[in-house]
Amino acid sequence: QVQLVESGGNLVQPGGSLRLSCTASGVTLANYAIGWFRQAPGKEREGVGCIGRKNTGTTYVDSMKGRFTISRDNAKNTVYLQMNNMKPEDTAAYYCAAAGGFYRGSGYYPTTGHNGCDEDFNDWGQGTQVTVSS
């Protein structure tokens, strides 16, 4: 099973920046779309954005455009979420999730879709807490 691990959550002051990481073992993240999501206390989970497999582009939820950037470092098998000019309303647990793959036996393989962000996010990390407060 794909195991995603988020890290980098912390307490940050308003206006500050934070970079979250999403890593995985046993799977090459470059072959899959990776989405970032967040869930604040008492609220539904919402999407932040998604980076497509390989070099197929990145999309963001409209409300997240401008302050959030998703990127990959394939050499480190890591996907990042860079957050700038942070606001108290960004306080939430942040999750990464993988899409564009399927299980067959004990293996996990990429689908044939071009980007992957339009496919189901079936594998999720445990989340990392981000708190924006002075």
Protein backbone atom coordinates (compact mmCIF):
# COMPACT_ATOMS: atom_id res chain seq x y z
CA GLN A 1 0.00 0.00 0.00
CA VAL A 2 1.18 3.49 -0.77
CA GLN A 3 2.20 5.25 2.42
CA LEU A 4 2.34 9.00 2.22
CA VAL A 5 3.89 11.01 5.02
CA GLU A 6 3.43 14.73 5.47
CA SER A 7 5.79 16.85 7.50
CA GLY A 8 6.64 20.46 8.13
CA GLY A 9 3.56 21.57 10.00
CA ASN A 10 4.20 24.18 12.65
CA LEU A 11 3.05 27.31 14.38
CA VAL A 12 3.65 30.35 12.19
CA GLN A 13 2.81 34.00 12.59
CA PRO A 14 0.42 35.77 10.22
CA GLY A 15 2.28 36.90 7.14
CA GLY A 16 4.84 34.15 7.56
CA SER A 17 5.72 31.24 5.31
CA LEU A 18 5.84 27.51 5.70
CA ARG A 19 6.74 24.61 3.44
CA LEU A 20 5.13 21.24 3.85
CA SER A 21 6.58 18.03 2.46
CA CYS A 22 4.93 14.86 1.26
CA THR A 23 7.10 11.79 0.89
CA ALA A 24 6.43 8.15 0.19
CA SER A 25 8.13 4.83 0.49
CA GLY A 26 7.92 2.06 -2.06
CA VAL A 27 6.50 4.21 -4.83
CA THR A 28 7.86 6.83 -7.20
CA LEU A 29 5.75 9.91 -6.64
CA ALA A 30 6.68 11.37 -10.02
CA ASN A 31 4.47 8.75 -11.67
CA TYR A 32 1.35 9.92 -9.85
CA ALA A 33 -0.66 13.03 -9.26
CA ILE A 34 -0.33 14.40 -5.76
CA GLY A 35 -2.97 16.61 -4.27
CA TRP A 36 -2.88 18.77 -1.18
CA PHE A 37 -5.95 19.19 0.98
CA ARG A 38 -6.71 20.77 4.31
CA GLN A 39 -9.31 20.47 7.01
CA ALA A 40 -9.91 23.04 9.69
CA PRO A 41 -11.67 22.14 12.95
CA GLY A 42 -15.40 21.92 12.43
CA LYS A 43 -15.11 22.35 8.69
CA GLU A 44 -15.18 20.06 5.71
CA ARG A 45 -12.01 19.06 3.96
CA GLU A 46 -11.13 21.33 1.06
CA GLY A 47 -8.70 21.04 -1.78
CA VAL A 48 -5.66 23.23 -2.14
CA GLY A 49 -4.29 22.04 -5.44
CA CYS A 50 -2.77 19.18 -7.36
CA ILE A 51 0.43 18.54 -9.25
CA GLY A 52 0.06 16.18 -12.17
CA ARG A 53 2.27 13.22 -12.85
CA LYS A 54 5.66 13.96 -14.37
CA ASN A 55 5.57 17.38 -16.07
CA THR A 56 1.87 17.64 -16.79
CA GLY A 57 1.20 20.78 -14.78
CA THR A 58 -0.26 22.03 -11.53
CA THR A 59 -3.75 23.27 -10.71
CA TYR A 60 -5.04 25.16 -7.71
CA VAL A 61 -8.38 25.80 -6.17
CA ASP A 62 -9.24 29.39 -7.06
CA SER A 63 -9.17 30.58 -3.45
CA MET A 64 -5.67 29.16 -3.03
CA LYS A 65 -4.08 30.76 -6.05
CA GLY A 66 -1.33 33.26 -5.43
CA ARG A 67 -0.17 32.24 -1.96
CA PHE A 68 0.27 28.49 -2.37
CA THR A 69 2.70 26.69 -4.66
CA ILE A 70 2.99 22.96 -5.21
CA SER A 71 6.22 21.55 -6.57
CA ARG A 72 8.17 18.33 -6.84
CA ASP A 73 11.71 17.22 -6.19
CA ASN A 74 11.85 13.90 -7.97
CA ALA A 75 15.37 13.17 -6.76
CA LYS A 76 14.03 13.28 -3.21
CA ASN A 77 10.73 11.63 -4.11
CA THR A 78 9.00 14.54 -2.44
CA VAL A 79 6.16 16.91 -3.21
CA TYR A 80 6.06 20.28 -1.50
CA LEU A 81 3.40 22.79 -0.59
CA GLN A 82 4.88 26.25 -0.17
CA MET A 83 2.60 28.62 1.70
CA ASN A 84 3.31 32.35 1.83
CA ASN A 85 1.67 35.34 3.48
CA MET A 86 -0.17 33.01 5.74
CA LYS A 87 -3.39 33.95 7.46
CA PRO A 88 -5.13 32.66 10.58
CA GLU A 89 -7.76 31.06 8.36
CA ASP A 90 -5.03 28.82 6.92
CA THR A 91 -4.97 27.01 10.26
CA ALA A 92 -5.81 23.40 9.51
CA ALA A 93 -4.52 19.88 9.22
CA TYR A 94 -2.93 19.51 5.81
CA TYR A 95 -2.95 16.25 3.90
CA CYS A 96 -1.37 14.98 0.73
CA ALA A 97 -3.00 12.31 -1.34
CA ALA A 98 -2.09 10.29 -4.42
CA ALA A 99 -4.17 9.84 -7.55
CA GLY A 100 -3.63 8.27 -10.91
CA GLY A 101 -2.71 4.82 -9.68
CA PHE A 102 -4.23 1.42 -9.09
CA TYR A 103 -3.41 -1.66 -7.11
CA ARG A 104 -2.77 -5.01 -8.70
CA GLY A 105 -1.69 -7.72 -6.32
CA SER A 106 0.95 -6.23 -4.07
CA GLY A 107 1.97 -3.57 -6.55
CA TYR A 108 0.80 -0.03 -7.22
CA TYR A 109 0.92 1.13 -10.80
CA PRO A 110 0.16 4.32 -12.68
CA THR A 111 -3.00 4.58 -14.74
CA THR A 112 -2.86 5.67 -18.35
CA GLY A 113 -4.42 9.04 -17.71
CA HIS A 114 -2.39 12.02 -18.84
CA ASN A 115 -2.29 14.09 -15.68
CA GLY A 116 -3.93 12.11 -12.91
CA CYS A 117 -5.39 15.03 -10.96
CA ASP A 118 -8.83 14.23 -12.36
CA GLU A 119 -8.76 10.71 -10.92
CA ASP A 120 -9.72 9.49 -7.47
CA PHE A 121 -7.41 10.23 -4.57
CA ASN A 122 -7.20 6.79 -2.99
CA ASP A 123 -4.19 7.05 -0.73
CA TRP A 124 -3.80 9.64 1.98
CA GLY A 125 -1.20 10.66 4.48
CA GLN A 126 -1.89 11.12 8.17
CA GLY A 127 -1.76 14.90 7.98
CA THR A 128 0.37 17.61 9.51
CA GLN A 129 -0.95 20.46 11.65
CA VAL A 130 -0.46 24.06 10.62
CA THR A 131 -1.41 26.84 13.01
CA VAL A 132 -1.26 30.49 12.04
CA SER A 133 -1.37 32.71 15.08
CA SER A 134 0.43 35.60 16.69
